[in-house]
């Protein structure tokens, strides 16, 4: 599991919103192990294989997100195979949005805000380049797109 204190140490916790908390709860319900820094919207998930670091953000109805550049740089610098990472841009729901693999974050950003030091994303642009940032609908689609679902084995009786 990722050492979140090492990765995020020194950063003030960013309060996770309602959809981010709901996503964490849904992942736990699916049997994933979640590691989180208290109050942070960034967390790690593991289903028995490699851990996935998730930079989670939510948008209620605007289709607009910002990801802090310092977090992206820390992930680029410190997270290497087999650790996967990326951004989850929740679109008005805990189980609907975009999955952007870490190596596509800078490619898919609509712009960069020098004032806020954030990579900015807009839903309209992401829909056009969906091959780089697939849209998911439902928790199982999310698990499949992130690669977390391929490691879950369920036995049904």
N, C-alpha and C. Protein backbone atom coordinates (compact mmCIF):
# COMPACT_ATOMS: atom_id res chain seq x y z
N UNK A 1 0.85 -1.18 0.00
CA UNK A 1 0.00 0.00 0.00
C UNK A 1 0.89 1.23 0.00
N UNK A 2 0.42 2.29 -0.59
CA UNK A 2 1.16 3.54 -0.70
C UNK A 2 1.28 4.21 0.67
N UNK A 3 2.46 4.75 0.95
CA UNK A 3 2.65 5.52 2.18
C UNK A 3 2.15 6.94 1.91
N UNK A 4 0.91 7.20 2.29
CA UNK A 4 0.31 8.50 2.01
C UNK A 4 0.99 9.63 2.75
N UNK A 5 1.51 9.34 3.93
CA UNK A 5 2.19 10.38 4.69
C UNK A 5 3.43 10.84 3.95
N UNK A 6 4.16 9.88 3.36
CA UNK A 6 5.35 10.24 2.59
C UNK A 6 4.96 11.02 1.33
N UNK A 7 3.92 10.58 0.66
CA UNK A 7 3.50 11.22 -0.59
C UNK A 7 2.87 12.59 -0.35
N UNK A 8 2.00 12.68 0.65
CA UNK A 8 1.23 13.90 0.89
C UNK A 8 1.71 14.70 2.09
N UNK A 9 2.75 14.21 2.78
CA UNK A 9 3.24 14.87 3.98
C UNK A 9 3.49 16.35 3.75
N UNK A 10 3.12 17.15 4.72
CA UNK A 10 3.33 18.59 4.62
C UNK A 10 2.21 19.32 3.93
N UNK A 11 1.30 18.60 3.31
CA UNK A 11 0.16 19.25 2.66
C UNK A 11 -1.02 19.25 3.62
N UNK A 12 -1.70 20.35 3.68
CA UNK A 12 -2.92 20.41 4.50
C UNK A 12 -3.97 19.50 3.87
N UNK A 13 -4.70 18.74 4.69
CA UNK A 13 -5.74 17.87 4.12
C UNK A 13 -6.77 18.69 3.35
N UNK A 14 -7.16 18.15 2.21
CA UNK A 14 -8.22 18.78 1.42
C UNK A 14 -9.49 18.02 1.73
N UNK A 15 -10.46 18.70 2.22
CA UNK A 15 -11.70 18.05 2.63
C UNK A 15 -12.35 17.33 1.46
N UNK A 16 -12.65 16.06 1.69
CA UNK A 16 -13.31 15.31 0.63
C UNK A 16 -14.80 15.61 0.66
N UNK A 17 -15.35 15.76 -0.51
CA UNK A 17 -16.76 16.06 -0.62
C UNK A 17 -17.62 14.83 -0.47
N UNK A 18 -18.90 15.03 -0.56
CA UNK A 18 -19.87 13.95 -0.38
C UNK A 18 -19.68 12.83 -1.40
N UNK A 19 -19.48 13.17 -2.69
CA UNK A 19 -19.33 12.15 -3.71
C UNK A 19 -18.05 11.35 -3.52
N UNK A 20 -16.98 12.01 -3.09
CA UNK A 20 -15.72 11.31 -2.85
C UNK A 20 -15.89 10.31 -1.70
N UNK A 21 -16.54 10.73 -0.62
CA UNK A 21 -16.80 9.81 0.50
C UNK A 21 -17.67 8.64 0.05
N UNK A 22 -18.67 8.92 -0.76
CA UNK A 22 -19.54 7.85 -1.27
C UNK A 22 -18.75 6.88 -2.14
N UNK A 23 -17.83 7.39 -2.96
CA UNK A 23 -17.00 6.51 -3.80
C UNK A 23 -16.14 5.61 -2.92
N UNK A 24 -15.52 6.17 -1.89
CA UNK A 24 -14.71 5.36 -0.98
C UNK A 24 -15.56 4.26 -0.35
N UNK A 25 -16.75 4.61 0.09
CA UNK A 25 -17.64 3.62 0.71
C UNK A 25 -18.05 2.53 -0.28
N UNK A 26 -18.32 2.91 -1.52
CA UNK A 26 -18.68 1.92 -2.54
C UNK A 26 -17.52 0.97 -2.82
N UNK A 27 -16.30 1.51 -2.86
CA UNK A 27 -15.13 0.68 -3.10
C UNK A 27 -14.92 -0.30 -1.95
N UNK A 28 -15.10 0.18 -0.73
CA UNK A 28 -15.00 -0.71 0.44
C UNK A 28 -16.04 -1.82 0.37
N UNK A 29 -17.25 -1.46 -0.04
CA UNK A 29 -18.33 -2.43 -0.17
C UNK A 29 -17.99 -3.51 -1.21
N UNK A 30 -17.22 -3.12 -2.23
CA UNK A 30 -16.79 -4.06 -3.27
C UNK A 30 -15.60 -4.90 -2.82
N UNK A 31 -15.11 -4.67 -1.59
CA UNK A 31 -14.03 -5.48 -1.05
C UNK A 31 -12.64 -4.89 -1.20
N UNK A 32 -12.53 -3.64 -1.61
CA UNK A 32 -11.22 -3.03 -1.75
C UNK A 32 -10.74 -2.47 -0.43
N UNK A 33 -9.45 -2.48 -0.26
CA UNK A 33 -8.82 -1.87 0.91
C UNK A 33 -8.52 -0.42 0.55
N UNK A 34 -8.87 0.50 1.43
CA UNK A 34 -8.68 1.93 1.19
C UNK A 34 -7.70 2.47 2.23
N UNK A 35 -6.70 3.22 1.76
CA UNK A 35 -5.79 3.94 2.65
C UNK A 35 -6.00 5.42 2.38
N UNK A 36 -6.21 6.17 3.44
CA UNK A 36 -6.48 7.59 3.25
C UNK A 36 -5.87 8.41 4.38
N UNK A 37 -5.55 9.63 4.06
CA UNK A 37 -5.12 10.60 5.05
C UNK A 37 -6.40 11.28 5.51
N UNK A 38 -6.59 11.40 6.78
CA UNK A 38 -7.84 11.91 7.33
C UNK A 38 -8.27 13.22 6.65
N UNK A 39 -9.51 13.20 6.16
CA UNK A 39 -10.09 14.39 5.55
C UNK A 39 -9.64 14.67 4.13
N UNK A 40 -8.79 13.82 3.55
CA UNK A 40 -8.27 14.09 2.21
C UNK A 40 -9.13 13.45 1.13
N UNK A 41 -9.20 14.10 -0.02
CA UNK A 41 -9.92 13.51 -1.13
C UNK A 41 -9.02 12.61 -1.97
N UNK A 42 -7.72 12.61 -1.69
CA UNK A 42 -6.80 11.71 -2.36
C UNK A 42 -6.67 10.46 -1.51
N UNK A 43 -6.73 9.29 -2.16
CA UNK A 43 -6.63 8.05 -1.40
C UNK A 43 -6.08 6.94 -2.28
N UNK A 44 -5.69 5.85 -1.64
CA UNK A 44 -5.18 4.69 -2.36
C UNK A 44 -6.16 3.54 -2.19
N UNK A 45 -6.29 2.73 -3.23
CA UNK A 45 -7.19 1.57 -3.20
C UNK A 45 -6.42 0.35 -3.69
N UNK A 46 -6.74 -0.79 -3.08
CA UNK A 46 -6.08 -2.03 -3.46
C UNK A 46 -7.08 -3.17 -3.38
N UNK A 47 -7.02 -4.03 -4.38
CA UNK A 47 -7.91 -5.19 -4.39
C UNK A 47 -7.13 -6.49 -4.48
N UNK A 48 -5.93 -6.51 -3.94
CA UNK A 48 -5.12 -7.72 -3.95
C UNK A 48 -3.96 -7.66 -4.92
N UNK A 49 -3.98 -6.76 -5.87
CA UNK A 49 -2.88 -6.58 -6.81
C UNK A 49 -2.19 -5.28 -6.49
N UNK A 50 -1.62 -4.63 -7.50
CA UNK A 50 -0.99 -3.33 -7.27
C UNK A 50 -1.98 -2.30 -6.74
N UNK A 51 -1.47 -1.39 -5.97
CA UNK A 51 -2.27 -0.32 -5.41
C UNK A 51 -2.49 0.77 -6.45
N UNK A 52 -3.66 1.40 -6.41
CA UNK A 52 -3.96 2.52 -7.30
C UNK A 52 -4.17 3.77 -6.44
N UNK A 53 -3.41 4.81 -6.75
CA UNK A 53 -3.55 6.09 -6.07
C UNK A 53 -4.58 6.91 -6.85
N UNK A 54 -5.61 7.39 -6.15
CA UNK A 54 -6.72 8.09 -6.80
C UNK A 54 -6.77 9.55 -6.34
N UNK A 55 -6.64 10.45 -7.28
CA UNK A 55 -6.79 11.87 -7.01
C UNK A 55 -8.24 12.20 -7.33
N UNK A 56 -9.08 12.19 -6.32
CA UNK A 56 -10.53 12.29 -6.52
C UNK A 56 -11.02 13.73 -6.40
N UNK A 57 -11.86 14.11 -7.35
CA UNK A 57 -12.45 15.44 -7.36
C UNK A 57 -13.89 15.30 -7.81
N UNK A 58 -14.73 16.21 -7.36
CA UNK A 58 -16.13 16.13 -7.75
C UNK A 58 -16.62 17.45 -8.30
N UNK A 59 -17.62 17.34 -9.16
CA UNK A 59 -18.30 18.49 -9.71
C UNK A 59 -19.78 18.18 -9.64
N UNK A 60 -20.56 19.10 -9.11
CA UNK A 60 -21.99 18.82 -8.96
C UNK A 60 -22.75 19.03 -10.25
N UNK A 61 -22.62 20.19 -10.87
CA UNK A 61 -23.34 20.40 -12.12
C UNK A 61 -22.60 21.29 -13.10
N UNK A 62 -21.36 21.61 -12.81
CA UNK A 62 -20.62 22.52 -13.67
C UNK A 62 -19.73 21.81 -14.69
N UNK A 63 -19.36 20.56 -14.42
CA UNK A 63 -18.45 19.86 -15.32
C UNK A 63 -17.09 20.53 -15.38
N UNK A 64 -16.60 20.96 -14.22
CA UNK A 64 -15.33 21.68 -14.12
C UNK A 64 -14.57 21.17 -12.91
N UNK A 65 -13.28 20.88 -13.09
CA UNK A 65 -12.45 20.38 -12.00
C UNK A 65 -11.07 21.02 -12.06
N UNK A 66 -10.40 21.09 -10.92
CA UNK A 66 -9.01 21.56 -10.84
C UNK A 66 -8.20 20.60 -9.98
N UNK A 67 -7.02 20.24 -10.46
CA UNK A 67 -6.12 19.37 -9.70
C UNK A 67 -4.84 20.13 -9.45
N UNK A 68 -4.47 20.20 -8.19
CA UNK A 68 -3.28 20.95 -7.79
C UNK A 68 -2.03 20.39 -8.46
N UNK A 69 -1.23 21.27 -9.02
CA UNK A 69 -0.02 20.87 -9.73
C UNK A 69 0.99 20.19 -8.81
N UNK A 70 1.08 20.64 -7.55
CA UNK A 70 2.06 20.03 -6.65
C UNK A 70 1.74 18.56 -6.38
N UNK A 71 0.46 18.19 -6.34
CA UNK A 71 0.08 16.80 -6.15
C UNK A 71 0.45 15.98 -7.38
N UNK A 72 0.17 16.51 -8.56
CA UNK A 72 0.52 15.81 -9.81
C UNK A 72 2.03 15.60 -9.86
N UNK A 73 2.80 16.62 -9.55
CA UNK A 73 4.27 16.50 -9.59
C UNK A 73 4.78 15.48 -8.58
N UNK A 74 4.21 15.46 -7.38
CA UNK A 74 4.63 14.46 -6.38
C UNK A 74 4.34 13.06 -6.88
N UNK A 75 3.19 12.86 -7.48
CA UNK A 75 2.84 11.54 -7.99
C UNK A 75 3.77 11.14 -9.14
N UNK A 76 4.05 12.06 -10.05
CA UNK A 76 4.95 11.77 -11.16
C UNK A 76 6.34 11.41 -10.66
N UNK A 77 6.76 12.10 -9.61
CA UNK A 77 8.10 11.91 -9.07
C UNK A 77 8.23 10.64 -8.23
N UNK A 78 7.21 10.33 -7.43
CA UNK A 78 7.34 9.27 -6.43
C UNK A 78 6.65 7.96 -6.77
N UNK A 79 5.66 7.97 -7.65
CA UNK A 79 4.91 6.75 -7.92
C UNK A 79 5.38 6.11 -9.22
N UNK A 80 5.88 4.90 -9.09
CA UNK A 80 6.38 4.16 -10.25
C UNK A 80 5.75 2.78 -10.26
N UNK A 81 5.88 2.09 -11.38
CA UNK A 81 5.32 0.73 -11.49
C UNK A 81 5.76 -0.09 -10.28
N UNK A 82 4.94 -0.98 -9.75
CA UNK A 82 3.63 -1.34 -10.26
C UNK A 82 2.50 -0.45 -9.74
N UNK A 83 2.83 0.62 -9.03
CA UNK A 83 1.78 1.51 -8.52
C UNK A 83 1.16 2.28 -9.68
N UNK A 84 -0.14 2.20 -9.77
CA UNK A 84 -0.90 2.95 -10.77
C UNK A 84 -1.47 4.18 -10.09
N UNK A 85 -1.70 5.22 -10.86
CA UNK A 85 -2.33 6.39 -10.28
C UNK A 85 -3.05 7.18 -11.36
N UNK A 86 -3.97 8.00 -10.92
CA UNK A 86 -4.70 8.82 -11.86
C UNK A 86 -5.73 9.66 -11.14
N UNK A 87 -6.47 10.41 -11.94
CA UNK A 87 -7.50 11.29 -11.41
C UNK A 87 -8.88 10.71 -11.67
N UNK A 88 -9.72 10.81 -10.67
CA UNK A 88 -11.13 10.45 -10.79
C UNK A 88 -11.91 11.75 -10.71
N UNK A 89 -12.53 12.12 -11.82
CA UNK A 89 -13.32 13.35 -11.86
C UNK A 89 -14.78 12.96 -11.81
N UNK A 90 -15.36 13.03 -10.62
CA UNK A 90 -16.74 12.61 -10.41
C UNK A 90 -17.68 13.67 -10.96
N UNK A 91 -18.64 13.20 -11.75
CA UNK A 91 -19.51 14.09 -12.51
C UNK A 91 -20.94 14.04 -11.96
N UNK A 92 -21.18 14.74 -10.87
CA UNK A 92 -22.52 14.82 -10.29
C UNK A 92 -22.98 13.57 -9.59
N UNK A 93 -22.08 12.62 -9.36
CA UNK A 93 -22.42 11.35 -8.73
C UNK A 93 -21.14 10.67 -8.26
N UNK A 94 -21.27 9.78 -7.29
CA UNK A 94 -20.12 9.02 -6.82
C UNK A 94 -19.71 7.92 -7.78
N UNK A 95 -20.58 7.59 -8.72
CA UNK A 95 -20.29 6.46 -9.60
C UNK A 95 -20.38 6.83 -11.09
N UNK A 96 -20.10 8.09 -11.38
CA UNK A 96 -20.11 8.53 -12.78
C UNK A 96 -19.05 9.61 -12.94
N UNK A 97 -18.24 9.49 -13.98
CA UNK A 97 -17.23 10.51 -14.22
C UNK A 97 -16.13 10.03 -15.14
N UNK A 98 -15.00 10.70 -15.07
CA UNK A 98 -13.85 10.40 -15.92
C UNK A 98 -12.74 9.76 -15.11
N UNK A 99 -12.06 8.79 -15.71
CA UNK A 99 -10.84 8.22 -15.15
C UNK A 99 -9.70 8.69 -16.05
N UNK A 100 -8.76 9.44 -15.48
CA UNK A 100 -7.61 9.91 -16.24
C UNK A 100 -6.35 9.27 -15.67
N UNK A 101 -5.76 8.32 -16.40
CA UNK A 101 -4.50 7.73 -15.93
C UNK A 101 -3.46 8.82 -15.71
N UNK A 102 -2.61 8.63 -14.72
CA UNK A 102 -1.63 9.65 -14.34
C UNK A 102 -0.82 10.22 -15.48
N UNK A 103 -0.38 9.36 -16.40
CA UNK A 103 0.46 9.85 -17.50
C UNK A 103 -0.34 10.66 -18.54
N UNK A 104 -1.66 10.75 -18.38
CA UNK A 104 -2.49 11.55 -19.29
C UNK A 104 -2.99 12.84 -18.65
N UNK A 105 -2.71 13.06 -17.39
CA UNK A 105 -3.28 14.23 -16.71
C UNK A 105 -2.89 15.54 -17.39
N UNK A 106 -1.62 15.73 -17.64
CA UNK A 106 -1.20 16.99 -18.26
C UNK A 106 -1.68 17.08 -19.71
N UNK A 107 -1.79 15.94 -20.39
CA UNK A 107 -2.27 15.93 -21.78
C UNK A 107 -3.74 16.31 -21.89
N UNK A 108 -4.53 15.92 -20.90
CA UNK A 108 -5.97 16.13 -20.97
C UNK A 108 -6.44 17.43 -20.33
N UNK A 109 -5.57 18.09 -19.58
CA UNK A 109 -5.96 19.35 -18.94
C UNK A 109 -6.31 20.37 -20.02
N UNK A 110 -7.39 21.08 -19.78
CA UNK A 110 -7.85 22.10 -20.70
C UNK A 110 -6.94 23.32 -20.64
N UNK A 111 -6.48 23.61 -19.44
CA UNK A 111 -5.61 24.76 -19.24
C UNK A 111 -4.91 24.62 -17.90
N UNK A 112 -4.02 25.57 -17.61
CA UNK A 112 -3.33 25.60 -16.32
C UNK A 112 -3.53 26.97 -15.72
N UNK A 113 -3.96 27.00 -14.47
CA UNK A 113 -4.15 28.26 -13.76
C UNK A 113 -2.89 28.57 -12.96
N UNK A 114 -2.14 29.57 -13.42
CA UNK A 114 -0.94 29.97 -12.71
C UNK A 114 -1.28 30.58 -11.35
N UNK A 115 -2.43 31.22 -11.27
CA UNK A 115 -2.86 31.85 -10.02
C UNK A 115 -3.11 30.79 -8.95
N UNK A 116 -3.87 29.74 -9.31
CA UNK A 116 -4.22 28.69 -8.35
C UNK A 116 -3.28 27.50 -8.41
N UNK A 117 -2.34 27.49 -9.35
CA UNK A 117 -1.42 26.37 -9.53
C UNK A 117 -2.18 25.06 -9.70
N UNK A 118 -3.14 25.06 -10.62
CA UNK A 118 -3.96 23.88 -10.87
C UNK A 118 -4.07 23.57 -12.35
N UNK A 119 -4.13 22.29 -12.64
CA UNK A 119 -4.49 21.83 -13.98
C UNK A 119 -6.01 21.84 -14.00
N UNK A 120 -6.60 22.47 -15.01
CA UNK A 120 -8.05 22.65 -15.08
C UNK A 120 -8.64 21.75 -16.17
N UNK A 121 -9.80 21.17 -15.85
CA UNK A 121 -10.46 20.24 -16.74
C UNK A 121 -11.92 20.66 -16.93
N UNK A 122 -12.40 20.56 -18.17
CA UNK A 122 -13.78 20.86 -18.50
C UNK A 122 -14.41 19.65 -19.16
N UNK A 123 -15.60 19.32 -18.76
CA UNK A 123 -16.29 18.14 -19.26
C UNK A 123 -16.40 18.13 -20.79
N UNK A 124 -16.73 19.25 -21.39
CA UNK A 124 -16.91 19.29 -22.85
C UNK A 124 -15.64 18.86 -23.58
N UNK A 125 -14.50 19.31 -23.13
CA UNK A 125 -13.23 18.93 -23.76
C UNK A 125 -12.92 17.47 -23.50
N UNK A 126 -13.13 17.01 -22.27
CA UNK A 126 -12.83 15.61 -21.93
C UNK A 126 -13.67 14.65 -22.76
N UNK A 127 -14.91 15.01 -23.05
CA UNK A 127 -15.77 14.14 -23.86
C UNK A 127 -15.20 13.98 -25.28
N UNK A 128 -14.53 14.99 -25.78
CA UNK A 128 -13.95 14.94 -27.12
C UNK A 128 -12.72 14.04 -27.16
N UNK A 129 -11.97 13.99 -26.07
CA UNK A 129 -10.73 13.20 -26.03
C UNK A 129 -10.90 11.99 -25.10
N UNK A 130 -12.07 11.39 -25.12
CA UNK A 130 -12.41 10.32 -24.19
C UNK A 130 -11.48 9.11 -24.29
N UNK A 131 -10.78 8.93 -25.40
CA UNK A 131 -9.85 7.81 -25.50
C UNK A 131 -8.70 7.94 -24.50
N UNK A 132 -8.37 9.16 -24.09
CA UNK A 132 -7.33 9.40 -23.09
C UNK A 132 -7.86 9.42 -21.67
N UNK A 133 -9.16 9.62 -21.54
CA UNK A 133 -9.77 9.79 -20.22
C UNK A 133 -11.18 9.19 -20.26
N UNK A 134 -11.29 7.87 -20.21
CA UNK A 134 -12.59 7.23 -20.39
C UNK A 134 -13.62 7.64 -19.33
N UNK A 135 -14.85 7.77 -19.80
CA UNK A 135 -15.98 8.08 -18.92
C UNK A 135 -16.51 6.76 -18.38
N UNK A 136 -16.81 6.73 -17.08
CA UNK A 136 -17.36 5.52 -16.48
C UNK A 136 -18.76 5.80 -15.96
N UNK A 137 -19.58 4.77 -15.99
CA UNK A 137 -20.93 4.85 -15.43
C UNK A 137 -21.12 3.60 -14.58
N UNK A 138 -21.19 3.79 -13.29
CA UNK A 138 -21.35 2.67 -12.36
C UNK A 138 -20.02 2.24 -11.76
N UNK A 139 -20.10 1.64 -10.59
CA UNK A 139 -18.90 1.25 -9.85
C UNK A 139 -18.12 0.15 -10.57
N UNK A 140 -18.81 -0.79 -11.20
CA UNK A 140 -18.10 -1.87 -11.88
C UNK A 140 -17.38 -1.38 -13.13
N UNK A 141 -17.97 -0.42 -13.82
CA UNK A 141 -17.31 0.20 -14.97
C UNK A 141 -16.06 0.95 -14.50
N UNK A 142 -16.18 1.66 -13.37
CA UNK A 142 -15.03 2.35 -12.79
C UNK A 142 -13.92 1.37 -12.45
N UNK A 143 -14.27 0.27 -11.80
CA UNK A 143 -13.27 -0.73 -11.43
C UNK A 143 -12.57 -1.30 -12.66
N UNK A 144 -13.32 -1.53 -13.70
CA UNK A 144 -12.75 -2.06 -14.94
C UNK A 144 -11.80 -1.06 -15.60
N UNK A 145 -12.22 0.20 -15.67
CA UNK A 145 -11.41 1.21 -16.34
C UNK A 145 -10.12 1.54 -15.58
N UNK A 146 -10.15 1.47 -14.26
CA UNK A 146 -8.96 1.74 -13.47
C UNK A 146 -8.04 0.54 -13.36
N UNK A 147 -8.55 -0.63 -13.69
CA UNK A 147 -7.76 -1.85 -13.54
C UNK A 147 -7.96 -2.52 -12.19
N UNK A 148 -8.71 -1.88 -11.31
CA UNK A 148 -8.95 -2.47 -9.99
C UNK A 148 -9.89 -3.67 -10.08
N UNK A 149 -10.81 -3.66 -11.00
CA UNK A 149 -11.81 -4.73 -11.12
C UNK A 149 -11.23 -6.05 -11.57
N UNK A 150 -10.15 -6.02 -12.33
CA UNK A 150 -9.57 -7.26 -12.83
C UNK A 150 -8.91 -8.07 -11.73
N UNK A 151 -8.72 -7.46 -10.58
CA UNK A 151 -8.07 -8.16 -9.48
C UNK A 151 -9.06 -8.68 -8.43
N UNK A 152 -10.34 -8.38 -8.62
CA UNK A 152 -11.34 -8.81 -7.67
C UNK A 152 -11.91 -10.14 -8.12
N UNK A 153 -11.88 -11.10 -7.24
CA UNK A 153 -12.45 -12.40 -7.54
C UNK A 153 -13.61 -12.62 -6.61
N UNK A 154 -14.79 -12.85 -7.17
CA UNK A 154 -15.97 -13.11 -6.36
C UNK A 154 -16.48 -14.49 -6.69
N UNK A 155 -16.83 -15.22 -5.68
CA UNK A 155 -17.44 -16.53 -5.87
C UNK A 155 -18.91 -16.41 -5.55
N UNK A 156 -19.73 -16.70 -6.54
CA UNK A 156 -21.18 -16.64 -6.31
C UNK A 156 -21.71 -18.03 -6.17
N UNK A 157 -22.61 -18.19 -5.20
CA UNK A 157 -23.22 -19.50 -4.96
C UNK A 157 -24.66 -19.46 -5.37
